[in-house]
Amino acid sequence: MAKEEVKVTILDRQFTVNCHKGERDALLEAAAYLDARIRTVQEQTKLVGLERCAIVTALNITNELLQLGRSEETMDLISEKMRSIGDRMQDVIEDTRL
């Protein structure tokens, strides 16, 4: 797939990154989200410097993604248990009809 260069601005610094054609808007949205999150970290922690703020922000976002993944796994497990309970209830209902 063809790639294109996109300029993004994070903490008033411009970066040029490559992305697949058709993904430009998503990349710009991601950059705006990252910029906002880094600015929030700066305000809350008084950290200075793009590198330190970017690392703390990356850790925060990674932690959120990992928690989301764990909650999805939990939901899958709950759904499977609910299906199993439903199947057993159906078996009991069918047995009582006999």
C-alpha atoms as a PDB file:
ATOM      1  CA  MET A   1       0.000   0.000   0.000  1.00  0.00           C
ATOM      2  CA  ALA A   2       1.261   3.497  -0.831  1.00  0.00           C
ATOM      3  CA  LYS A   3       2.480   5.765   1.923  1.00  0.00           C
ATOM      4  CA  GLU A   4       2.339   9.495   2.417  1.00  0.00           C
ATOM      5  CA  GLU A   5       4.149  11.972   4.638  1.00  0.00           C
ATOM      6  CA  VAL A   6       2.075  13.831   7.187  1.00  0.00           C
ATOM      7  CA  LYS A   7       3.191  16.723   9.347  1.00  0.00           C
ATOM      8  CA  VAL A   8       1.901  16.615  12.922  1.00  0.00           C
ATOM      9  CA  THR A   9       2.420  19.117  15.705  1.00  0.00           C
ATOM     10  CA  ILE A  10       2.993  18.026  19.275  1.00  0.00           C
ATOM     11  CA  LEU A  11       3.833  20.582  21.970  1.00  0.00           C
ATOM     12  CA  ASP A  12       4.330  23.194  19.275  1.00  0.00           C
ATOM     13  CA  ARG A  13       6.986  21.066  17.558  1.00  0.00           C
ATOM     14  CA  GLN A  14       6.397  19.757  14.077  1.00  0.00           C
ATOM     15  CA  PHE A  15       7.165  16.140  13.152  1.00  0.00           C
ATOM     16  CA  THR A  16       6.937  14.454   9.777  1.00  0.00           C
ATOM     17  CA  VAL A  17       5.690  10.872   9.896  1.00  0.00           C
ATOM     18  CA  ASN A  18       4.684   8.335   7.278  1.00  0.00           C
ATOM     19  CA  CYS A  19       1.340   6.621   7.118  1.00  0.00           C
ATOM     20  CA  HIS A  20      -0.619   4.550   4.635  1.00  0.00           C
ATOM     21  CA  LYS A  21      -2.792   6.483   2.234  1.00  0.00           C
ATOM     22  CA  GLY A  22      -6.252   6.823   3.705  1.00  0.00           C
ATOM     23  CA  GLU A  23      -4.958   6.863   7.288  1.00  0.00           C
ATOM     24  CA  ARG A  24      -3.997  10.547   7.343  1.00  0.00           C
ATOM     25  CA  ASP A  25      -7.067  11.705   9.297  1.00  0.00           C
ATOM     26  CA  ALA A  26      -6.638   8.964  11.906  1.00  0.00           C
ATOM     27  CA  LEU A  27      -2.977   9.895  12.335  1.00  0.00           C
ATOM     28  CA  LEU A  28      -3.824  13.574  12.754  1.00  0.00           C
ATOM     29  CA  GLU A  29      -6.481  12.644  15.315  1.00  0.00           C
ATOM     30  CA  ALA A  30      -3.965  10.475  17.187  1.00  0.00           C
ATOM     31  CA  ALA A  31      -1.426  13.313  17.176  1.00  0.00           C
ATOM     32  CA  ALA A  32      -3.997  15.774  18.526  1.00  0.00           C
ATOM     33  CA  TYR A  33      -4.947  13.271  21.259  1.00  0.00           C
ATOM     34  CA  LEU A  34      -1.297  12.738  22.168  1.00  0.00           C
ATOM     35  CA  ASP A  35      -0.656  16.482  22.232  1.00  0.00           C
ATOM     36  CA  ALA A  36      -3.592  17.011  24.590  1.00  0.00           C
ATOM     37  CA  ARG A  37      -2.506  14.162  26.873  1.00  0.00           C
ATOM     38  CA  ILE A  38       1.101  15.416  27.019  1.00  0.00           C
ATOM     39  CA  ARG A  39      -0.125  18.911  27.868  1.00  0.00           C
ATOM     40  CA  THR A  40      -2.270  17.438  30.646  1.00  0.00           C
ATOM     41  CA  VAL A  41       0.751  15.574  32.046  1.00  0.00           C
ATOM     42  CA  GLN A  42       2.781  18.788  31.898  1.00  0.00           C
ATOM     43  CA  GLU A  43       0.115  20.724  33.772  1.00  0.00           C
ATOM     44  CA  GLN A  44      -0.449  18.057  36.419  1.00  0.00           C
ATOM     45  CA  THR A  45       3.173  17.121  37.074  1.00  0.00           C
ATOM     46  CA  LYS A  46       5.101  20.260  36.160  1.00  0.00           C
ATOM     47  CA  LEU A  47       7.489  18.075  34.144  1.00  0.00           C
ATOM     48  CA  VAL A  48       9.554  19.957  31.600  1.00  0.00           C
ATOM     49  CA  GLY A  49      10.808  18.646  28.306  1.00  0.00           C
ATOM     50  CA  LEU A  50       9.080  16.813  25.515  1.00  0.00           C
ATOM     51  CA  GLU A  51      10.934  13.541  26.095  1.00  0.00           C
ATOM     52  CA  ARG A  52      10.019  13.165  29.781  1.00  0.00           C
ATOM     53  CA  CYS A  53       6.413  14.205  29.216  1.00  0.00           C
ATOM     54  CA  ALA A  54       6.130  11.889  26.214  1.00  0.00           C
ATOM     55  CA  ILE A  55       7.430   8.921  28.236  1.00  0.00           C
ATOM     56  CA  VAL A  56       5.049   9.547  31.153  1.00  0.00           C
ATOM     57  CA  THR A  57       2.162  10.014  28.711  1.00  0.00           C
ATOM     58  CA  ALA A  58       3.104   6.844  26.821  1.00  0.00           C
ATOM     59  CA  LEU A  59       3.125   4.908  30.099  1.00  0.00           C
ATOM     60  CA  ASN A  60      -0.287   6.303  31.041  1.00  0.00           C
ATOM     61  CA  ILE A  61      -1.823   5.456  27.657  1.00  0.00           C
ATOM     62  CA  THR A  62      -0.229   1.989  27.661  1.00  0.00           C
ATOM     63  CA  ASN A  63      -1.610   1.324  31.134  1.00  0.00           C
ATOM     64  CA  GLU A  64      -5.093   2.360  29.986  1.00  0.00           C
ATOM     65  CA  LEU A  65      -4.864   0.073  26.946  1.00  0.00           C
ATOM     66  CA  LEU A  66      -3.700  -2.864  29.059  1.00  0.00           C
ATOM     67  CA  GLN A  67      -6.545  -2.307  31.515  1.00  0.00           C
ATOM     68  CA  LEU A  68      -8.994  -2.140  28.634  1.00  0.00           C
ATOM     69  CA  GLY A  69      -7.599  -5.418  27.279  1.00  0.00           C
ATOM     70  CA  ARG A  70      -7.987  -7.039  30.678  1.00  0.00           C
ATOM     71  CA  SER A  71     -11.554  -5.819  30.989  1.00  0.00           C
ATOM     72  CA  GLU A  72     -12.353  -7.200  27.519  1.00  0.00           C
ATOM     73  CA  GLU A  73     -10.904 -10.567  28.559  1.00  0.00           C
ATOM     74  CA  THR A  74     -13.008 -10.407  31.715  1.00  0.00           C
ATOM     75  CA  MET A  75     -16.120  -9.604  29.686  1.00  0.00           C
ATOM     76  CA  ASP A  76     -15.376 -12.540  27.356  1.00  0.00           C
ATOM     77  CA  LEU A  77     -15.031 -14.827  30.377  1.00  0.00           C
ATOM     78  CA  ILE A  78     -18.289 -13.529  31.879  1.00  0.00           C
ATOM     79  CA  SER A  79     -20.069 -13.998  28.541  1.00  0.00           C
ATOM     80  CA  GLU A  80     -18.827 -17.577  28.296  1.00  0.00           C
ATOM     81  CA  LYS A  81     -19.957 -18.338  31.850  1.00  0.00           C
ATOM     82  CA  MET A  82     -23.367 -16.786  31.134  1.00  0.00           C
ATOM     83  CA  ARG A  83     -23.710 -18.964  28.014  1.00  0.00           C
ATOM     84  CA  SER A  84     -22.780 -22.006  30.056  1.00  0.00           C
ATOM     85  CA  ILE A  85     -25.332 -21.160  32.750  1.00  0.00           C
ATOM     86  CA  GLY A  86     -27.966 -20.557  30.057  1.00  0.00           C
ATOM     87  CA  ASP A  87     -27.199 -23.936  28.485  1.00  0.00           C
ATOM     88  CA  ARG A  88     -27.506 -25.690  31.846  1.00  0.00           C
ATOM     89  CA  MET A  89     -30.779 -23.901  32.574  1.00  0.00           C
ATOM     90  CA  GLN A  90     -32.096 -24.975  29.191  1.00  0.00           C
ATOM     91  CA  ASP A  91     -31.112 -28.568  29.946  1.00  0.00           C
ATOM     92  CA  VAL A  92     -32.931 -28.428  33.313  1.00  0.00           C
ATOM     93  CA  ILE A  93     -36.042 -26.959  31.641  1.00  0.00           C
ATOM     94  CA  GLU A  94     -36.019 -29.668  29.001  1.00  0.00           C
ATOM     95  CA  ASP A  95     -35.493 -32.404  31.637  1.00  0.00           C
ATOM     96  CA  THR A  96     -38.462 -31.158  33.674  1.00  0.00           C
ATOM     97  CA  ARG A  97     -40.712 -31.354  30.605  1.00  0.00           C
ATOM     98  CA  LEU A  98     -40.039 -35.043  30.189  1.00  0.00           C
END
